[in-house]
Amino acid sequence: MAKVYKIIFRKSAEKQLLKLPNPVGLKIIELIKSLSENPIPVSAQKMSGFENIYRLRSGAYRLVYSIDKEVLVIEIIKIGHRQNIYK
C-alpha cells in the first residue's frame, strides 16, 4: 500500500494561501493535495542549505514545504509570489 502523508500548514502559510487570487489559490490547493501521495514530484526542487525543504512552482507562485519521512508529515511553510517568497 502506498504511503499517504498528512499535510499541515503553518499559520502564516494558511494566511498567505487565503490572500491569493482565486484561480491561483485553487491551483496551489491541487498541488498541495497531490503532495500527500507523491511528496517529491519531478518538478520539486530541494532548497540548498536545508535538509528536507523543497519548493514547487505554479506559474509565478512558489510553495515551500518540508517533509518528515519518519512520521509521514508534510508541513507547508510558505506560499507566495516568486518576487517575495525568498525574503
Protein backbone atom coordinates (compact mmCIF):
# COMPACT_ATOMS: atom_id res chain seq x y z
CA MET A 1 0.00 0.00 0.00
CA ALA A 2 1.27 3.47 -0.88
CA LYS A 3 2.29 5.82 1.90
CA VAL A 4 -0.02 8.79 2.37
CA TYR A 5 1.45 11.87 4.00
CA LYS A 6 -0.54 14.11 6.32
CA ILE A 7 -0.41 17.77 5.30
CA ILE A 8 -0.20 20.53 7.90
CA PHE A 9 0.09 24.30 7.44
CA ARG A 10 2.00 26.90 9.36
CA LYS A 11 -0.44 29.66 10.37
CA SER A 12 1.42 32.14 8.16
CA ALA A 13 1.18 29.82 5.12
CA GLU A 14 -2.54 29.38 5.70
CA LYS A 15 -2.99 33.18 5.69
CA GLN A 16 -0.85 33.50 2.55
CA LEU A 17 -3.00 30.90 0.77
CA LEU A 18 -6.22 32.73 1.65
CA LYS A 19 -4.82 36.00 0.24
CA LEU A 20 -4.05 34.53 -3.21
CA PRO A 21 -6.25 35.35 -6.22
CA ASN A 22 -8.90 32.64 -6.63
CA PRO A 23 -7.64 30.75 -9.73
CA VAL A 24 -4.09 30.75 -8.35
CA GLY A 25 -5.26 29.57 -4.93
CA LEU A 26 -7.19 26.66 -6.47
CA LYS A 27 -4.12 25.56 -8.46
CA ILE A 28 -1.96 25.70 -5.32
CA ILE A 29 -4.54 23.65 -3.38
CA GLU A 30 -4.47 20.96 -6.09
CA LEU A 31 -0.67 20.98 -5.95
CA ILE A 32 -0.75 20.57 -2.15
CA LYS A 33 -3.27 17.70 -2.37
CA SER A 34 -1.03 15.86 -4.83
CA LEU A 35 1.87 16.04 -2.34
CA SER A 36 0.11 13.68 0.08
CA GLU A 37 0.73 10.75 -2.28
CA ASN A 38 3.87 11.97 -4.03
CA PRO A 39 5.81 14.28 -1.66
CA ILE A 40 8.71 14.87 -4.08
CA PRO A 41 7.32 15.27 -7.60
CA VAL A 42 9.73 15.58 -10.54
CA SER A 43 9.22 19.37 -10.60
CA ALA A 44 10.17 19.81 -6.92
CA GLN A 45 13.49 21.48 -6.20
CA LYS A 46 15.45 20.84 -3.00
CA MET A 47 16.33 24.09 -1.25
CA SER A 48 20.08 24.40 -0.89
CA GLY A 49 21.36 24.55 2.65
CA PHE A 50 18.35 22.72 4.11
CA GLU A 51 17.85 19.06 4.92
CA ASN A 52 14.23 18.33 3.99
CA ILE A 53 12.88 21.56 2.50
CA TYR A 54 11.61 21.70 -1.07
CA ARG A 55 9.93 24.21 -3.35
CA LEU A 56 7.41 23.84 -6.14
CA ARG A 57 6.35 26.38 -8.68
CA SER A 58 2.92 27.08 -10.04
CA GLY A 59 3.24 29.85 -12.60
CA ALA A 60 4.68 32.89 -10.85
CA TYR A 61 3.92 31.46 -7.41
CA ARG A 62 6.04 29.25 -5.18
CA LEU A 63 5.20 26.72 -2.49
CA VAL A 64 7.88 25.96 0.12
CA TYR A 65 7.39 22.85 2.25
CA SER A 66 9.22 20.38 4.47
CA ILE A 67 8.93 16.61 4.60
CA ASP A 68 9.22 14.46 7.71
CA LYS A 69 9.57 10.93 6.37
CA GLU A 70 9.62 9.41 9.87
CA VAL A 71 6.04 10.39 10.75
CA LEU A 72 4.77 10.94 7.16
CA VAL A 73 4.04 14.65 7.54
CA ILE A 74 4.40 17.47 5.03
CA GLU A 75 4.45 20.98 6.50
CA ILE A 76 3.55 23.85 4.21
CA ILE A 77 5.91 26.64 5.22
CA LYS A 78 5.37 29.47 2.74
CA ILE A 79 3.19 30.29 -0.25
CA GLY A 80 3.66 33.40 -2.33
CA HIS A 81 4.70 35.21 -5.46
CA ARG A 82 8.22 34.41 -6.64
CA GLN A 83 9.30 38.05 -6.09
CA ASN A 84 8.54 37.88 -2.36
CA ILE A 85 8.82 34.23 -1.34
CA TYR A 86 12.54 34.12 -0.55
CA LYS A 87 12.67 37.29 1.57
